[in-house]
Amino acid sequence: MLHKFKRRILIFLFTVLLLMIAYRYIYVLTGNICTGEYRKSPNAVYQADVMDCYSESFFGQKKQWFEFKVIGNNQTQKFTTSPITKIFFGSRAGNQVIYWQPDSSAVKFVFPEMEIRVKVQK
């Protein structure tokens, strides 16, 4: 009887362990968490996006980066950087980061410590 009890406890503990691993694996698979801003160009041909992204590995290693995109004319210009400090933007922040040239030839991503200017590919 004691043998059956130990076996049931081991099965229970193994099941809990498997559920914990599955939960963590699914959490990691849900992908990146990003927030940001997007703006259409004045001529409505292009769209500029900037995202503050975060992810975590299966073992808890955290990663954060900024992702920039300019989309239009069947092309996407995309690049990433390390996080830029002293700026909060996105749907809840109320700070604008993206500024288009009036002729839609370029877009600026304006941060307190730097500006990134991207010419659109025509």
PDB file of N, CA and C in Angstrom:
ATOM      1  N   MET A   1       0.827  -1.195   0.000  1.00  0.00           N
ATOM      2  CA  MET A   1       0.000   0.000   0.000  1.00  0.00           C
ATOM      3  C   MET A   1       0.869   1.257   0.000  1.00  0.00           C
ATOM      4  N   LEU A   2       1.936   1.236   0.785  1.00  0.00           N
ATOM      5  CA  LEU A   2       2.842   2.376   0.821  1.00  0.00           C
ATOM      6  C   LEU A   2       3.512   2.567  -0.534  1.00  0.00           C
ATOM      7  N   HIS A   3       3.790   1.461  -1.224  1.00  0.00           N
ATOM      8  CA  HIS A   3       4.408   1.519  -2.546  1.00  0.00           C
ATOM      9  C   HIS A   3       3.486   2.219  -3.549  1.00  0.00           C
ATOM     10  N   LYS A   4       2.192   1.927  -3.526  1.00  0.00           N
ATOM     11  CA  LYS A   4       1.220   2.570  -4.420  1.00  0.00           C
ATOM     12  C   LYS A   4       1.116   4.061  -4.121  1.00  0.00           C
ATOM     13  N   PHE A   5       1.172   4.413  -2.863  1.00  0.00           N
ATOM     14  CA  PHE A   5       1.086   5.820  -2.455  1.00  0.00           C
ATOM     15  C   PHE A   5       2.290   6.600  -2.993  1.00  0.00           C
ATOM     16  N   LYS A   6       3.497   6.032  -2.858  1.00  0.00           N
ATOM     17  CA  LYS A   6       4.702   6.688  -3.370  1.00  0.00           C
ATOM     18  C   LYS A   6       4.631   6.836  -4.895  1.00  0.00           C
ATOM     19  N   ARG A   7       4.129   5.805  -5.525  1.00  0.00           N
ATOM     20  CA  ARG A   7       4.016   5.854  -6.986  1.00  0.00           C
ATOM     21  C   ARG A   7       3.046   6.950  -7.421  1.00  0.00           C
ATOM     22  N   ARG A   8       1.925   7.084  -6.752  1.00  0.00           N
ATOM     23  CA  ARG A   8       0.946   8.118  -7.073  1.00  0.00           C
ATOM     24  C   ARG A   8       1.529   9.518  -6.837  1.00  0.00           C
ATOM     25  N   ILE A   9       2.290   9.679  -5.782  1.00  0.00           N
ATOM     26  CA  ILE A   9       2.919  10.968  -5.510  1.00  0.00           C
ATOM     27  C   ILE A   9       3.927  11.302  -6.606  1.00  0.00           C
ATOM     28  N   LEU A  10       4.730  10.327  -7.015  1.00  0.00           N
ATOM     29  CA  LEU A  10       5.698  10.552  -8.087  1.00  0.00           C
ATOM     30  C   LEU A  10       4.991  10.907  -9.404  1.00  0.00           C
ATOM     31  N   ILE A  11       3.914  10.224  -9.711  1.00  0.00           N
ATOM     32  CA  ILE A  11       3.154  10.529 -10.926  1.00  0.00           C
ATOM     33  C   ILE A  11       2.584  11.942 -10.831  1.00  0.00           C
ATOM     34  N   PHE A  12       2.051  12.308  -9.680  1.00  0.00           N
ATOM     35  CA  PHE A  12       1.500  13.639  -9.484  1.00  0.00           C
ATOM     36  C   PHE A  12       2.591  14.704  -9.655  1.00  0.00           C
ATOM     37  N   LEU A  13       3.751  14.514  -9.023  1.00  0.00           N
ATOM     38  CA  LEU A  13       4.840  15.476  -9.120  1.00  0.00           C
ATOM     39  C   LEU A  13       5.365  15.580 -10.551  1.00  0.00           C
ATOM     40  N   PHE A  14       5.458  14.452 -11.242  1.00  0.00           N
ATOM     41  CA  PHE A  14       5.900  14.457 -12.627  1.00  0.00           C
ATOM     42  C   PHE A  14       4.892  15.219 -13.505  1.00  0.00           C
ATOM     43  N   THR A  15       3.614  15.024 -13.270  1.00  0.00           N
ATOM     44  CA  THR A  15       2.571  15.726 -14.019  1.00  0.00           C
ATOM     45  C   THR A  15       2.645  17.224 -13.767  1.00  0.00           C
ATOM     46  N   VAL A  16       2.825  17.630 -12.529  1.00  0.00           N
ATOM     47  CA  VAL A  16       2.948  19.055 -12.199  1.00  0.00           C
ATOM     48  C   VAL A  16       4.169  19.639 -12.881  1.00  0.00           C
ATOM     49  N   LEU A  17       5.280  18.930 -12.870  1.00  0.00           N
ATOM     50  CA  LEU A  17       6.495  19.389 -13.529  1.00  0.00           C
ATOM     51  C   LEU A  17       6.270  19.559 -15.033  1.00  0.00           C
ATOM     52  N   LEU A  18       5.624  18.593 -15.667  1.00  0.00           N
ATOM     53  CA  LEU A  18       5.329  18.695 -17.089  1.00  0.00           C
ATOM     54  C   LEU A  18       4.415  19.881 -17.394  1.00  0.00           C
ATOM     55  N   LEU A  19       3.423  20.122 -16.557  1.00  0.00           N
ATOM     56  CA  LEU A  19       2.525  21.256 -16.746  1.00  0.00           C
ATOM     57  C   LEU A  19       3.270  22.584 -16.601  1.00  0.00           C
ATOM     58  N   MET A  20       4.196  22.647 -15.638  1.00  0.00           N
ATOM     59  CA  MET A  20       4.979  23.871 -15.462  1.00  0.00           C
ATOM     60  C   MET A  20       5.863  24.129 -16.685  1.00  0.00           C
ATOM     61  N   ILE A  21       6.496  23.095 -17.202  1.00  0.00           N
ATOM     62  CA  ILE A  21       7.341  23.237 -18.386  1.00  0.00           C
ATOM     63  C   ILE A  21       6.490  23.639 -19.592  1.00  0.00           C
ATOM     64  N   ALA A  22       5.341  23.014 -19.762  1.00  0.00           N
ATOM     65  CA  ALA A  22       4.456  23.348 -20.882  1.00  0.00           C
ATOM     66  C   ALA A  22       3.978  24.791 -20.785  1.00  0.00           C
ATOM     67  N   TYR A  23       3.616  25.232 -19.589  1.00  0.00           N
ATOM     68  CA  TYR A  23       3.176  26.616 -19.402  1.00  0.00           C
ATOM     69  C   TYR A  23       4.285  27.592 -19.782  1.00  0.00           C
ATOM     70  N   ARG A  24       5.494  27.338 -19.328  1.00  0.00           N
ATOM     71  CA  ARG A  24       6.623  28.222 -19.621  1.00  0.00           C
ATOM     72  C   ARG A  24       6.931  28.219 -21.123  1.00  0.00           C
ATOM     73  N   TYR A  25       6.865  27.061 -21.736  1.00  0.00           N
ATOM     74  CA  TYR A  25       7.129  26.944 -23.165  1.00  0.00           C
ATOM     75  C   TYR A  25       6.087  27.725 -23.964  1.00  0.00           C
ATOM     76  N   ILE A  26       4.819  27.599 -23.610  1.00  0.00           N
ATOM     77  CA  ILE A  26       3.752  28.336 -24.292  1.00  0.00           C
ATOM     78  C   ILE A  26       3.927  29.831 -24.061  1.00  0.00           C
ATOM     79  N   TYR A  27       4.321  30.241 -22.861  1.00  0.00           N
ATOM     80  CA  TYR A  27       4.561  31.652 -22.560  1.00  0.00           C
ATOM     81  C   TYR A  27       5.631  32.220 -23.476  1.00  0.00           C
ATOM     82  N   VAL A  28       6.701  31.474 -23.678  1.00  0.00           N
ATOM     83  CA  VAL A  28       7.793  31.927 -24.538  1.00  0.00           C
ATOM     84  C   VAL A  28       7.338  31.935 -25.997  1.00  0.00           C
ATOM     85  N   LEU A  29       6.546  30.959 -26.397  1.00  0.00           N
ATOM     86  CA  LEU A  29       6.084  30.879 -27.781  1.00  0.00           C
ATOM     87  C   LEU A  29       5.110  31.989 -28.151  1.00  0.00           C
ATOM     88  N   THR A  30       4.477  32.596 -27.158  1.00  0.00           N
ATOM     89  CA  THR A  30       3.531  33.661 -27.478  1.00  0.00           C
ATOM     90  C   THR A  30       4.241  34.833 -28.118  1.00  0.00           C
ATOM     91  N   GLY A  31       5.543  34.826 -28.088  1.00  0.00           N
ATOM     92  CA  GLY A  31       6.315  35.784 -28.855  1.00  0.00           C
ATOM     93  C   GLY A  31       6.653  37.061 -28.124  1.00  0.00           C
ATOM     94  N   ASN A  32       6.933  38.039 -28.928  1.00  0.00           N
ATOM     95  CA  ASN A  32       7.386  39.326 -28.432  1.00  0.00           C
ATOM     96  C   ASN A  32       6.202  40.170 -27.985  1.00  0.00           C
ATOM     97  N   ILE A  33       6.456  40.993 -27.026  1.00  0.00           N
ATOM     98  CA  ILE A  33       5.476  41.984 -26.584  1.00  0.00           C
ATOM     99  C   ILE A  33       6.005  43.331 -27.064  1.00  0.00           C
ATOM    100  N   CYS A  34       5.219  44.005 -27.882  1.00  0.00           N
ATOM    101  CA  CYS A  34       5.655  45.274 -28.458  1.00  0.00           C
ATOM    102  C   CYS A  34       4.575  46.338 -28.293  1.00  0.00           C
ATOM    103  N   THR A  35       5.009  47.562 -28.115  1.00  0.00           N
ATOM    104  CA  THR A  35       4.122  48.703 -28.144  1.00  0.00           C
ATOM    105  C   THR A  35       4.806  49.769 -28.965  1.00  0.00           C
ATOM    106  N   GLY A  36       4.025  50.607 -29.594  1.00  0.00           N
ATOM    107  CA  GLY A  36       4.686  51.606 -30.416  1.00  0.00           C
ATOM    108  C   GLY A  36       3.739  52.564 -31.091  1.00  0.00           C
ATOM    109  N   GLU A  37       4.223  53.078 -32.201  1.00  0.00           N
ATOM    110  CA  GLU A  37       3.519  54.127 -32.927  1.00  0.00           C
ATOM    111  C   GLU A  37       3.668  53.867 -34.421  1.00  0.00           C
ATOM    112  N   TYR A  38       2.664  54.253 -35.179  1.00  0.00           N
ATOM    113  CA  TYR A  38       2.774  54.225 -36.629  1.00  0.00           C
ATOM    114  C   TYR A  38       2.099  55.472 -37.193  1.00  0.00           C
ATOM    115  N   ARG A  39       2.592  55.927 -38.339  1.00  0.00           N
ATOM    116  CA  ARG A  39       2.031  57.103 -39.002  1.00  0.00           C
ATOM    117  C   ARG A  39       2.120  56.910 -40.512  1.00  0.00           C
ATOM    118  N   LYS A  40       1.040  57.233 -41.181  1.00  0.00           N
ATOM    119  CA  LYS A  40       1.020  57.247 -42.641  1.00  0.00           C
ATOM    120  C   LYS A  40       1.733  58.502 -43.135  1.00  0.00           C
ATOM    121  N   SER A  41       2.345  58.397 -44.309  1.00  0.00           N
ATOM    122  CA  SER A  41       2.988  59.561 -44.929  1.00  0.00           C
ATOM    123  C   SER A  41       1.912  60.517 -45.436  1.00  0.00           C
ATOM    124  N   PRO A  42       2.266  61.790 -45.656  1.00  0.00           N
ATOM    125  CA  PRO A  42       1.279  62.759 -46.169  1.00  0.00           C
ATOM    126  C   PRO A  42       0.621  62.333 -47.488  1.00  0.00           C
ATOM    127  N   ASN A  43       1.367  61.622 -48.348  1.00  0.00           N
ATOM    128  CA  ASN A  43       0.772  61.162 -49.605  1.00  0.00           C
ATOM    129  C   ASN A  43       0.078  59.801 -49.462  1.00  0.00           C
ATOM    130  N   ALA A  44       0.060  59.247 -48.255  1.00  0.00           N
ATOM    131  CA  ALA A  44      -0.613  57.971 -47.924  1.00  0.00           C
ATOM    132  C   ALA A  44      -0.049  56.761 -48.672  1.00  0.00           C
ATOM    133  N   VAL A  45       1.154  56.878 -49.215  1.00  0.00           N
ATOM    134  CA  VAL A  45       1.792  55.760 -49.898  1.00  0.00           C
ATOM    135  C   VAL A  45       2.616  54.921 -48.923  1.00  0.00           C
ATOM    136  N   TYR A  46       3.176  55.559 -47.919  1.00  0.00           N
ATOM    137  CA  TYR A  46       4.092  54.903 -46.991  1.00  0.00           C
ATOM    138  C   TYR A  46       3.519  54.893 -45.577  1.00  0.00           C
ATOM    139  N   GLN A  47       4.085  54.010 -44.776  1.00  0.00           N
ATOM    140  CA  GLN A  47       3.772  53.988 -43.350  1.00  0.00           C
ATOM    141  C   GLN A  47       5.071  53.768 -42.588  1.00  0.00           C
ATOM    142  N   ALA A  48       5.262  54.537 -41.539  1.00  0.00           N
ATOM    143  CA  ALA A  48       6.433  54.381 -40.673  1.00  0.00           C
ATOM    144  C   ALA A  48       5.965  53.802 -39.342  1.00  0.00           C
ATOM    145  N   ASP A  49       6.705  52.825 -38.837  1.00  0.00           N
ATOM    146  CA  ASP A  49       6.407  52.190 -37.556  1.00  0.00           C
ATOM    147  C   ASP A  49       7.647  52.246 -36.677  1.00  0.00           C
ATOM    148  N   VAL A  50       7.448  52.452 -35.395  1.00  0.00           N
ATOM    149  CA  VAL A  50       8.518  52.277 -34.423  1.00  0.00           C
ATOM    150  C   VAL A  50       7.915  51.522 -33.242  1.00  0.00           C
ATOM    151  N   MET A  51       8.601  50.454 -32.832  1.00  0.00           N
ATOM    152  CA  MET A  51       8.087  49.597 -31.770  1.00  0.00           C
ATOM    153  C   MET A  51       9.155  49.379 -30.701  1.00  0.00           C
ATOM    154  N   ASP A  52       8.725  49.420 -29.459  1.00  0.00           N
ATOM    155  CA  ASP A  52       9.557  49.068 -28.311  1.00  0.00           C
ATOM    156  C   ASP A  52       9.181  47.632 -27.972  1.00  0.00           C
ATOM    157  N   CYS A  53      10.105  46.696 -28.189  1.00  0.00           N
ATOM    158  CA  CYS A  53       9.798  45.268 -28.068  1.00  0.00           C
ATOM    159  C   CYS A  53      10.548  44.619 -26.904  1.00  0.00           C
ATOM    160  N   TYR A  54       9.946  43.561 -26.393  1.00  0.00           N
ATOM    161  CA  TYR A  54      10.476  42.830 -25.248  1.00  0.00           C
ATOM    162  C   TYR A  54      10.187  41.349 -25.460  1.00  0.00           C
ATOM    163  N   SER A  55      11.136  40.518 -25.110  1.00  0.00           N
ATOM    164  CA  SER A  55      10.904  39.072 -25.123  1.00  0.00           C
ATOM    165  C   SER A  55      11.680  38.433 -23.978  1.00  0.00           C
ATOM    166  N   GLU A  56      11.354  37.202 -23.731  1.00  0.00           N
ATOM    167  CA  GLU A  56      12.005  36.458 -22.656  1.00  0.00           C
ATOM    168  C   GLU A  56      12.228  35.036 -23.135  1.00  0.00           C
ATOM    169  N   SER A  57      13.423  34.494 -22.882  1.00  0.00           N
ATOM    170  CA  SER A  57      13.734  33.132 -23.295  1.00  0.00           C
ATOM    171  C   SER A  57      13.093  32.134 -22.330  1.00  0.00           C
ATOM    172  N   PHE A  58      13.175  30.870 -22.679  1.00  0.00           N
ATOM    173  CA  PHE A  58      12.613  29.813 -21.842  1.00  0.00           C
ATOM    174  C   PHE A  58      13.186  29.852 -20.429  1.00  0.00           C
ATOM    175  N   PHE A  59      14.461  30.202 -20.302  1.00  0.00           N
ATOM    176  CA  PHE A  59      15.114  30.220 -18.991  1.00  0.00           C
ATOM    177  C   PHE A  59      15.081  31.593 -18.326  1.00  0.00           C
ATOM    178  N   GLY A  60      14.299  32.536 -18.885  1.00  0.00           N
ATOM    179  CA  GLY A  60      14.089  33.815 -18.228  1.00  0.00           C
ATOM    180  C   GLY A  60      15.019  34.937 -18.643  1.00  0.00           C
ATOM    181  N   GLN A  61      15.860  34.709 -19.654  1.00  0.00           N
ATOM    182  CA  GLN A  61      16.748  35.773 -20.119  1.00  0.00           C
ATOM    183  C   GLN A  61      15.916  36.802 -20.876  1.00  0.00           C
ATOM    184  N   LYS A  62      15.994  38.059 -20.435  1.00  0.00           N
ATOM    185  CA  LYS A  62      15.189  39.130 -21.008  1.00  0.00           C
ATOM    186  C   LYS A  62      15.942  39.846 -22.120  1.00  0.00           C
ATOM    187  N   LYS A  63      15.193  40.287 -23.131  1.00  0.00           N
ATOM    188  CA  LYS A  63      15.770  41.016 -24.250  1.00  0.00           C
ATOM    189  C   LYS A  63      14.819  42.158 -24.603  1.00  0.00           C
ATOM    190  N   GLN A  64      15.375  43.343 -24.847  1.00  0.00           N
ATOM    191  CA  GLN A  64      14.578  44.489 -25.250  1.00  0.00           C
ATOM    192  C   GLN A  64      15.264  45.175 -26.427  1.00  0.00           C
ATOM    193  N   TRP A  65      14.485  45.645 -27.402  1.00  0.00           N
ATOM    194  CA  TRP A  65      15.022  46.316 -28.571  1.00  0.00           C
ATOM    195  C   TRP A  65      13.967  47.236 -29.174  1.00  0.00           C
ATOM    196  N   PHE A  66      14.405  48.133 -30.038  1.00  0.00           N
ATOM    197  CA  PHE A  66      13.511  48.987 -30.815  1.00  0.00           C
ATOM    198  C   PHE A  66      13.520  48.477 -32.251  1.00  0.00           C
ATOM    199  N   GLU A  67      12.358  48.483 -32.869  1.00  0.00           N
ATOM    200  CA  GLU A  67      12.222  48.026 -34.241  1.00  0.00           C
ATOM    201  C   GLU A  67      11.623  49.167 -35.074  1.00  0.00           C
ATOM    202  N   PHE A  68      12.279  49.511 -36.163  1.00  0.00           N
ATOM    203  CA  PHE A  68      11.846  50.588 -37.048  1.00  0.00           C
ATOM    204  C   PHE A  68      11.494  49.993 -38.411  1.00  0.00           C
ATOM    205  N   LYS A  69      10.398  50.481 -39.019  1.00  0.00           N
ATOM    206  CA  LYS A  69      10.000  50.030 -40.354  1.00  0.00           C
ATOM    207  C   LYS A  69       9.465  51.212 -41.148  1.00  0.00           C
ATOM    208  N   VAL A  70       9.767  51.191 -42.434  1.00  0.00           N
ATOM    209  CA  VAL A  70       9.123  52.082 -43.393  1.00  0.00           C
ATOM    210  C   VAL A  70       8.603  51.171 -44.499  1.00  0.00           C
ATOM    211  N   ILE A  71       7.292  51.180 -44.683  1.00  0.00           N
ATOM    212  CA  ILE A  71       6.623  50.263 -45.594  1.00  0.00           C
ATOM    213  C   ILE A  71       5.954  51.072 -46.703  1.00  0.00           C
ATOM    214  N   GLY A  72       6.101  50.622 -47.942  1.00  0.00           N
ATOM    215  CA  GLY A  72       5.424  51.264 -49.066  1.00  0.00           C
ATOM    216  C   GLY A  72       6.059  50.900 -50.383  1.00  0.00           C
ATOM    217  N   ASN A  73       5.300  51.079 -51.468  1.00  0.00           N
ATOM    218  CA  ASN A  73       5.780  50.733 -52.814  1.00  0.00           C
ATOM    219  C   ASN A  73       6.297  49.298 -52.876  1.00  0.00           C
ATOM    220  N   ASN A  74       5.596  48.382 -52.239  1.00  0.00           N
ATOM    221  CA  ASN A  74       5.959  46.953 -52.223  1.00  0.00           C
ATOM    222  C   ASN A  74       7.342  46.696 -51.648  1.00  0.00           C
ATOM    223  N   GLN A  75       7.800  47.562 -50.747  1.00  0.00           N
ATOM    224  CA  GLN A  75       9.100  47.398 -50.103  1.00  0.00           C
ATOM    225  C   GLN A  75       8.961  47.666 -48.610  1.00  0.00           C
ATOM    226  N   THR A  76       9.837  47.050 -47.848  1.00  0.00           N
ATOM    227  CA  THR A  76       9.911  47.316 -46.417  1.00  0.00           C
ATOM    228  C   THR A  76      11.358  47.557 -46.038  1.00  0.00           C
ATOM    229  N   GLN A  77      11.616  48.709 -45.445  1.00  0.00           N
ATOM    230  CA  GLN A  77      12.929  48.995 -44.864  1.00  0.00           C
ATOM    231  C   GLN A  77      12.767  48.734 -43.368  1.00  0.00           C
ATOM    232  N   LYS A  78      13.604  47.873 -42.835  1.00  0.00           N
ATOM    233  CA  LYS A  78      13.458  47.491 -41.425  1.00  0.00           C
ATOM    234  C   LYS A  78      14.832  47.429 -40.781  1.00  0.00           C
ATOM    235  N   PHE A  79      14.924  47.960 -39.547  1.00  0.00           N
ATOM    236  CA  PHE A  79      16.148  47.813 -38.774  1.00  0.00           C
ATOM    237  C   PHE A  79      15.809  47.849 -37.297  1.00  0.00           C
ATOM    238  N   THR A  80      16.706  47.321 -36.508  1.00  0.00           N
ATOM    239  CA  THR A  80      16.514  47.268 -35.057  1.00  0.00           C
ATOM    240  C   THR A  80      17.694  47.923 -34.362  1.00  0.00           C
ATOM    241  N   THR A  81      17.441  48.401 -33.143  1.00  0.00           N
ATOM    242  CA  THR A  81      18.496  49.000 -32.314  1.00  0.00           C
ATOM    243  C   THR A  81      18.302  48.541 -30.881  1.00  0.00           C
ATOM    244  N   SER A  82      19.294  48.818 -30.087  1.00  0.00           N
ATOM    245  CA  SER A  82      19.136  48.652 -28.643  1.00  0.00           C
ATOM    246  C   SER A  82      18.114  49.682 -28.172  1.00  0.00           C
ATOM    247  N   PRO A  83      17.526  49.484 -26.997  1.00  0.00           N
ATOM    248  CA  PRO A  83      16.549  50.466 -26.507  1.00  0.00           C
ATOM    249  C   PRO A  83      17.159  51.862 -26.393  1.00  0.00           C
ATOM    250  N   ILE A  84      16.341  52.858 -26.676  1.00  0.00           N
ATOM    251  CA  ILE A  84      16.754  54.252 -26.559  1.00  0.00           C
ATOM    252  C   ILE A  84      16.149  54.781 -25.268  1.00  0.00           C
ATOM    253  N   THR A  85      16.973  55.366 -24.421  1.00  0.00           N
ATOM    254  CA  THR A  85      16.510  55.791 -23.103  1.00  0.00           C
ATOM    255  C   THR A  85      15.730  57.098 -23.152  1.00  0.00           C
ATOM    256  N   LYS A  86      15.057  57.371 -22.084  1.00  0.00           N
ATOM    257  CA  LYS A  86      14.379  58.642 -21.817  1.00  0.00           C
ATOM    258  C   LYS A  86      13.241  58.960 -22.776  1.00  0.00           C
ATOM    259  N   ILE A  87      12.582  57.956 -23.306  1.00  0.00           N
ATOM    260  CA  ILE A  87      11.415  58.209 -24.145  1.00  0.00           C
ATOM    261  C   ILE A  87      10.363  57.134 -23.879  1.00  0.00           C
ATOM    262  N   PHE A  88       9.157  57.574 -23.741  1.00  0.00           N
ATOM    263  CA  PHE A  88       8.025  56.666 -23.627  1.00  0.00           C
ATOM    264  C   PHE A  88       7.060  57.048 -24.731  1.00  0.00           C
ATOM    265  N   PHE A  89       6.704  56.110 -25.558  1.00  0.00           N
ATOM    266  CA  PHE A  89       5.802  56.382 -26.661  1.00  0.00           C
ATOM    267  C   PHE A  89       4.876  55.183 -26.829  1.00  0.00           C
ATOM    268  N   GLY A  90       3.937  55.342 -27.704  1.00  0.00           N
ATOM    269  CA  GLY A  90       2.960  54.294 -27.937  1.00  0.00           C
ATOM    270  C   GLY A  90       1.570  54.808 -27.661  1.00  0.00           C
ATOM    271  N   SER A  91       0.619  53.927 -27.701  1.00  0.00           N
ATOM    272  CA  SER A  91      -0.781  54.328 -27.621  1.00  0.00           C
ATOM    273  C   SER A  91      -1.141  54.986 -26.295  1.00  0.00           C
ATOM    274  N   ARG A  92      -0.434  54.691 -25.240  1.00  0.00           N
ATOM    275  CA  ARG A  92      -0.788  55.237 -23.929  1.00  0.00           C
ATOM    276  C   ARG A  92       0.074  56.424 -23.499  1.00  0.00           C
ATOM    277  N   ALA A  93       1.168  56.677 -24.205  1.00  0.00           N
ATOM    278  CA  ALA A  93       2.129  57.682 -23.746  1.00  0.00           C
ATOM    279  C   ALA A  93       1.783  59.101 -24.173  1.00  0.00           C
ATOM    280  N   GLY A  94       1.223  59.268 -25.339  1.00  0.00           N
ATOM    281  CA  GLY A  94       0.910  60.606 -25.825  1.00  0.00           C
ATOM    282  C   GLY A  94       2.094  61.358 -26.404  1.00  0.00           C
ATOM    283  N   ASN A  95       3.262  60.737 -26.487  1.00  0.00           N
ATOM    284  CA  ASN A  95       4.438  61.371 -27.096  1.00  0.00           C
ATOM    285  C   ASN A  95       4.543  60.928 -28.545  1.00  0.00           C
ATOM    286  N   GLN A  96       4.697  61.872 -29.444  1.00  0.00           N
ATOM    287  CA  GLN A  96       4.870  61.549 -30.858  1.00  0.00           C
ATOM    288  C   GLN A  96       6.347  61.407 -31.160  1.00  0.00           C
ATOM    289  N   VAL A  97       6.696  60.380 -31.905  1.00  0.00           N
ATOM    290  CA  VAL A  97       8.080  60.089 -32.267  1.00  0.00           C
ATOM    291  C   VAL A  97       8.287  60.205 -33.777  1.00  0.00           C
ATOM    292  N   ILE A  98       7.269  59.930 -34.571  1.00  0.00           N
ATOM    293  CA  ILE A  98       7.390  59.858 -36.030  1.00  0.00           C
ATOM    294  C   ILE A  98       6.942  61.170 -36.669  1.00  0.00           C
ATOM    295  N   TYR A  99       7.817  61.733 -37.528  1.00  0.00           N
ATOM    296  CA  TYR A  99       7.517  62.970 -38.241  1.00  0.00           C
ATOM    297  C   TYR A  99       7.893  62.808 -39.710  1.00  0.00           C
ATOM    298  N   TRP A 100       6.932  62.949 -40.589  1.00  0.00           N
ATOM    299  CA  TRP A 100       7.153  62.842 -42.028  1.00  0.00           C
ATOM    300  C   TRP A 100       7.519  64.204 -42.628  1.00  0.00           C
ATOM    301  N   GLN A 101       8.347  64.178 -43.672  1.00  0.00           N
ATOM    302  CA  GLN A 101       8.591  65.365 -44.480  1.00  0.00           C
ATOM    303  C   GLN A 101       7.293  65.664 -45.245  1.00  0.00           C
ATOM    304  N   PRO A 102       6.981  66.926 -45.487  1.00  0.00           N
ATOM    305  CA  PRO A 102       5.732  67.261 -46.192  1.00  0.00           C
ATOM    306  C   PRO A 102       5.592  66.592 -47.563  1.00  0.00           C
ATOM    307  N   ASP A 103       6.730  66.345 -48.255  1.00  0.00           N
ATOM    308  CA  ASP A 103       6.670  65.708 -49.577  1.00  0.00           C
ATOM    309  C   ASP A 103       6.775  64.177 -49.511  1.00  0.00           C
ATOM    310  N   SER A 104       6.735  63.613 -48.315  1.00  0.00           N
ATOM    311  CA  SER A 104       6.801  62.157 -48.083  1.00  0.00           C
ATOM    312  C   SER A 104       8.097  61.517 -48.558  1.00  0.00           C
ATOM    313  N   SER A 105       9.160  62.295 -48.695  1.00  0.00           N
ATOM    314  CA  SER A 105      10.441  61.759 -49.177  1.00  0.00           C
ATOM    315  C   SER A 105      11.270  61.127 -48.064  1.00  0.00           C
ATOM    316  N   ALA A 106      10.972  61.472 -46.814  1.00  0.00           N
ATOM    317  CA  ALA A 106      11.744  60.947 -45.689  1.00  0.00           C
ATOM    318  C   ALA A 106      10.897  61.028 -44.424  1.00  0.00           C
ATOM    319  N   VAL A 107      11.323  60.257 -43.451  1.00  0.00           N
ATOM    320  CA  VAL A 107      10.653  60.255 -42.154  1.00  0.00           C
ATOM    321  C   VAL A 107      11.723  60.364 -41.077  1.00  0.00           C
ATOM    322  N   LYS A 108      11.401  61.093 -40.010  1.00  0.00           N
ATOM    323  CA  LYS A 108      12.311  61.215 -38.868  1.00  0.00           C
ATOM    324  C   LYS A 108      11.676  60.548 -37.653  1.00  0.00           C
ATOM    325  N   PHE A 109      12.480  59.804 -36.931  1.00  0.00           N
ATOM    326  CA  PHE A 109      12.107  59.254 -35.639  1.00  0.00           C
ATOM    327  C   PHE A 109      12.850  60.111 -34.615  1.00  0.00           C
ATOM    328  N   VAL A 110      12.124  60.916 -33.849  1.00  0.00           N
ATOM    329  CA  VAL A 110      12.732  61.923 -32.979  1.00  0.00           C
ATOM    330  C   VAL A 110      12.656  61.462 -31.530  1.00  0.00           C
ATOM    331  N   PHE A 111      13.833  61.333 -30.918  1.00  0.00           N
ATOM    332  CA  PHE A 111      13.971  60.966 -29.506  1.00  0.00           C
ATOM    333  C   PHE A 111      14.722  62.087 -28.788  1.00  0.00           C
ATOM    334  N   PRO A 112      14.621  62.177 -27.463  1.00  0.00           N
ATOM    335  CA  PRO A 112      15.327  63.252 -26.747  1.00  0.00           C
ATOM    336  C   PRO A 112      16.831  63.262 -26.981  1.00  0.00           C
ATOM    337  N   GLU A 113      17.438  62.100 -27.156  1.00  0.00           N
ATOM    338  CA  GLU A 113      18.887  62.030 -27.287  1.00  0.00           C
ATOM    339  C   GLU A 113      19.371  61.842 -28.720  1.00  0.00           C
ATOM    340  N   MET A 114      18.466  61.625 -29.670  1.00  0.00           N
ATOM    341  CA  MET A 114      18.890  61.386 -31.054  1.00  0.00           C
ATOM    342  C   MET A 114      17.710  61.492 -32.002  1.00  0.00           C
ATOM    343  N   GLU A 115      18.052  61.641 -33.285  1.00  0.00           N
ATOM    344  CA  GLU A 115      17.076  61.587 -34.366  1.00  0.00           C
ATOM    345  C   GLU A 115      17.565  60.576 -35.386  1.00  0.00           C
ATOM    346  N   ILE A 116      16.635  59.800 -35.899  1.00  0.00           N
ATOM    347  CA  ILE A 116      16.956  58.845 -36.953  1.00  0.00           C
ATOM    348  C   ILE A 116      16.148  59.257 -38.171  1.00  0.00           C
ATOM    349  N   ARG A 117      16.842  59.493 -39.280  1.00  0.00           N
ATOM    350  CA  ARG A 117      16.175  59.939 -40.512  1.00  0.00           C
ATOM    351  C   ARG A 117      16.305  58.835 -41.546  1.00  0.00           C
ATOM    352  N   VAL A 118      15.184  58.505 -42.186  1.00  0.00           N
ATOM    353  CA  VAL A 118      15.164  57.453 -43.196  1.00  0.00           C
ATOM    354  C   VAL A 118      14.534  58.016 -44.468  1.00  0.00           C
ATOM    355  N   LYS A 119      15.266  57.929 -45.577  1.00  0.00           N
ATOM    356  CA  LYS A 119      14.703  58.295 -46.865  1.00  0.00           C
ATOM    357  C   LYS A 119      13.902  57.103 -47.391  1.00  0.00           C
ATOM    358  N   VAL A 120      12.777  57.391 -48.004  1.00  0.00           N
ATOM    359  CA  VAL A 120      11.962  56.315 -48.544  1.00  0.00           C
ATOM    360  C   VAL A 120      12.555  55.853 -49.870  1.00  0.00           C
ATOM    361  N   GLN A 121      12.379  54.584 -50.174  1.00  0.00           N
ATOM    362  CA  GLN A 121      12.861  54.025 -51.439  1.00  0.00           C
ATOM    363  C   GLN A 121      11.734  54.139 -52.459  1.00  0.00           C
ATOM    364  N   LYS A 122      12.015  54.846 -53.525  1.00  0.00           N
ATOM    365  CA  LYS A 122      10.970  55.064 -54.546  1.00  0.00           C
ATOM    366  C   LYS A 122      11.103  54.113 -55.686  1.00  0.00           C
TER     367      LYS A 122
END
